[in-house]
Protein backbone atom coordinates (compact mmCIF):
# COMPACT_ATOMS: atom_id res chain seq x y z
CA UNK A 1 60.43 16.55 -3.34
CA UNK A 2 57.57 14.18 -3.37
CA UNK A 3 56.34 15.86 -0.03
CA UNK A 4 56.66 19.31 -1.37
CA UNK A 5 53.66 18.40 -3.82
CA UNK A 6 51.55 16.99 -1.79
CA UNK A 7 51.61 19.99 0.30
CA UNK A 8 51.66 22.32 -2.88
CA UNK A 9 47.96 20.62 -3.81
CA UNK A 10 46.89 20.10 -0.06
CA UNK A 11 47.18 23.77 0.69
CA UNK A 12 44.43 25.05 -1.88
CA UNK A 13 41.97 22.39 -1.20
CA UNK A 14 42.42 23.62 2.58
CA UNK A 15 41.75 26.99 2.29
CA UNK A 16 38.34 26.69 -0.08
CA UNK A 17 35.22 27.47 1.96
CA UNK A 18 33.09 24.18 1.93
CA UNK A 19 29.61 24.13 2.72
CA UNK A 20 28.68 22.78 6.03
CA UNK A 21 26.49 19.68 5.97
CA UNK A 22 23.46 21.02 8.07
CA UNK A 23 22.18 24.21 10.11
CA UNK A 24 19.03 25.03 11.79
CA UNK A 25 15.84 26.10 10.09
CA UNK A 26 13.38 28.67 11.91
CA UNK A 27 9.98 28.22 11.64
CA UNK A 28 7.85 31.76 12.44
CA UNK A 29 4.20 31.73 12.18
CA UNK A 30 1.52 34.54 13.13
CA UNK A 31 -2.63 34.19 12.74
CA UNK A 32 -4.36 36.87 11.23
CA UNK A 33 -5.02 38.25 14.55
CA UNK A 34 -1.93 38.34 16.02
CA UNK A 35 -3.31 36.62 18.63
CA UNK A 36 -1.35 33.15 17.94
CA UNK A 37 2.20 32.96 17.66
CA UNK A 38 4.19 29.71 16.56
CA UNK A 39 7.56 29.32 16.46
CA UNK A 40 10.07 26.20 15.90
CA UNK A 41 13.40 25.31 15.28
CA UNK A 42 13.93 22.47 13.41
CA UNK A 43 17.23 20.64 12.73
CA UNK A 44 18.69 20.86 8.98
CA UNK A 45 15.03 21.35 7.99
CA UNK A 46 13.49 18.15 7.69
CA UNK A 47 15.48 16.46 10.62
CA UNK A 48 14.49 16.59 14.38
CA UNK A 49 12.55 19.04 15.98
CA UNK A 50 14.98 21.07 18.38
CA UNK A 51 12.67 23.61 20.20
CA UNK A 52 8.79 24.90 19.61
CA UNK A 53 6.70 26.81 21.58
CA UNK A 54 2.73 28.14 20.60
CA UNK A 55 1.73 31.13 22.43
CA UNK A 56 -1.88 31.84 21.98
CA UNK A 57 -3.38 35.33 23.75
CA UNK A 58 -0.14 35.74 25.57
CA UNK A 59 -0.01 32.19 27.07
CA UNK A 60 2.49 29.87 26.19
CA UNK A 61 2.93 26.18 25.74
CA UNK A 62 6.64 25.00 25.55
CA UNK A 63 7.33 22.01 23.23
CA UNK A 64 10.27 19.78 23.80
CA UNK A 65 12.35 17.65 21.31
CA UNK A 66 11.07 14.44 23.10
CA UNK A 67 8.90 12.36 20.13
CA UNK A 68 8.09 14.56 17.00
CA UNK A 69 7.97 13.75 13.35
CA UNK A 70 8.66 16.05 10.61
CA UNK A 71 8.07 15.81 6.83
CA UNK A 72 9.50 18.49 4.44
CA UNK A 73 9.24 18.22 0.36
CA UNK A 74 9.88 21.76 -0.90
CA UNK A 75 8.86 20.75 -4.82
CA UNK A 76 5.24 19.43 -2.73
CA UNK A 77 5.29 22.69 -0.60
CA UNK A 78 4.31 20.31 2.12
CA UNK A 79 5.91 20.76 5.68
CA UNK A 80 4.07 18.75 8.29
CA UNK A 81 4.96 17.67 11.82
CA UNK A 82 3.37 15.98 14.76
CA UNK A 83 5.03 16.74 18.40
CA UNK A 84 3.87 14.52 21.39
CA UNK A 85 4.88 15.44 24.57
CA UNK A 86 4.67 14.11 28.07
CA UNK A 87 1.73 15.48 30.69
CA UNK A 88 2.58 18.62 31.58
CA UNK A 89 1.84 20.16 35.17
CA UNK A 90 1.08 23.51 33.91
CA UNK A 91 -1.93 22.19 31.65
CA UNK A 92 -2.70 19.28 33.50
CA UNK A 93 -2.90 17.20 30.60
CA UNK A 94 -1.17 15.45 27.50
CA UNK A 95 0.55 18.06 25.68
CA UNK A 96 0.46 17.63 21.69
CA UNK A 97 0.69 19.66 18.30
CA UNK A 98 -0.10 18.95 14.96
CA UNK A 99 1.38 21.32 11.97
CA UNK A 100 0.96 21.26 8.40
CA UNK A 101 1.47 23.53 5.77
CA UNK A 102 -1.47 24.65 2.87
CA UNK A 103 0.75 23.27 -0.58
CA UNK A 104 -1.14 25.96 -2.64
CA UNK A 105 0.06 28.28 -0.68
CA UNK A 106 3.50 27.59 -0.36
CA UNK A 107 5.99 30.07 -2.18
CA UNK A 108 9.89 29.74 -2.52
CA UNK A 109 11.17 32.80 -1.74
CA UNK A 110 15.30 31.98 -1.91
CA UNK A 111 16.32 28.87 -2.78
CA UNK A 112 20.36 28.50 -3.05
CA UNK A 113 22.43 26.17 -1.74
CA UNK A 114 23.29 27.37 1.46
CA UNK A 115 20.02 29.64 2.08
CA UNK A 116 16.48 28.94 1.32
CA UNK A 117 13.56 30.86 2.39
CA UNK A 118 9.61 30.02 2.13
CA UNK A 119 6.49 31.71 3.07
CA UNK A 120 3.11 29.80 3.30
CA UNK A 121 -0.20 29.29 5.29
CA UNK A 122 -0.50 26.44 7.94
CA UNK A 123 -2.67 25.17 10.11
CA UNK A 124 -2.30 23.92 13.69
CA UNK A 125 -3.94 21.92 16.31
CA UNK A 126 -2.52 21.31 19.78
CA UNK A 127 -2.63 21.64 23.78
CA UNK A 128 -5.28 24.28 24.84
CA UNK A 129 -2.82 26.61 26.69
CA UNK A 130 -5.97 28.95 27.71
CA UNK A 131 -7.91 28.13 31.16
CA UNK A 132 -11.36 27.44 30.63
CA UNK A 133 -11.49 27.44 26.72
CA UNK A 134 -13.04 23.88 26.51
CA UNK A 135 -13.48 21.06 28.12
CA UNK A 136 -11.50 18.64 25.86
CA UNK A 137 -8.27 21.05 26.53
CA UNK A 138 -7.56 21.07 22.53
CA UNK A 139 -7.41 24.40 20.34
CA UNK A 140 -9.46 24.92 17.30
CA UNK A 141 -7.90 24.69 14.41
CA UNK A 142 -5.81 28.24 13.36
CA UNK A 143 -4.81 29.05 10.16
CA UNK A 144 -1.31 30.88 10.47
CA UNK A 145 0.97 32.91 7.90
CA UNK A 146 4.19 30.93 8.60
CA UNK A 147 8.03 32.00 7.19
CA UNK A 148 10.73 29.26 7.07
CA UNK A 149 14.32 30.00 7.05
CA UNK A 150 17.50 28.05 6.40
CA UNK A 151 20.72 28.84 6.23
CA UNK A 152 23.87 26.54 6.09
């Protein structure tokens, strides 16, 4: 009898849809000219970097999770990260990327427990993928318009 009561109470709990603990956040950014595109996937929106790439004038630099630091605070409109990878044979240089949002441009589009969307402007600076674009192999600071989508 006690066992039947236990199953009677357990069945509704097992049939409930519980929200998962984490998901991947997708960051997509583009410059006003469309010549620069940045894409990143962040584990659980403020966690580890899963992958990223920067494309300037059709030439792409891929970044691996490696050594990456992320800070996200939706209340303050802050998303920032720094990616550092080993020397790239294609670039023949140390590979890095700095990304920071502009808090005054940060807009919350959707904010539910399982679905969040944001739009904002950001600045980016990193390894220069184009040949002959400066002796220091660093891009200029580029302003991007970004969307960040996170679903559980």
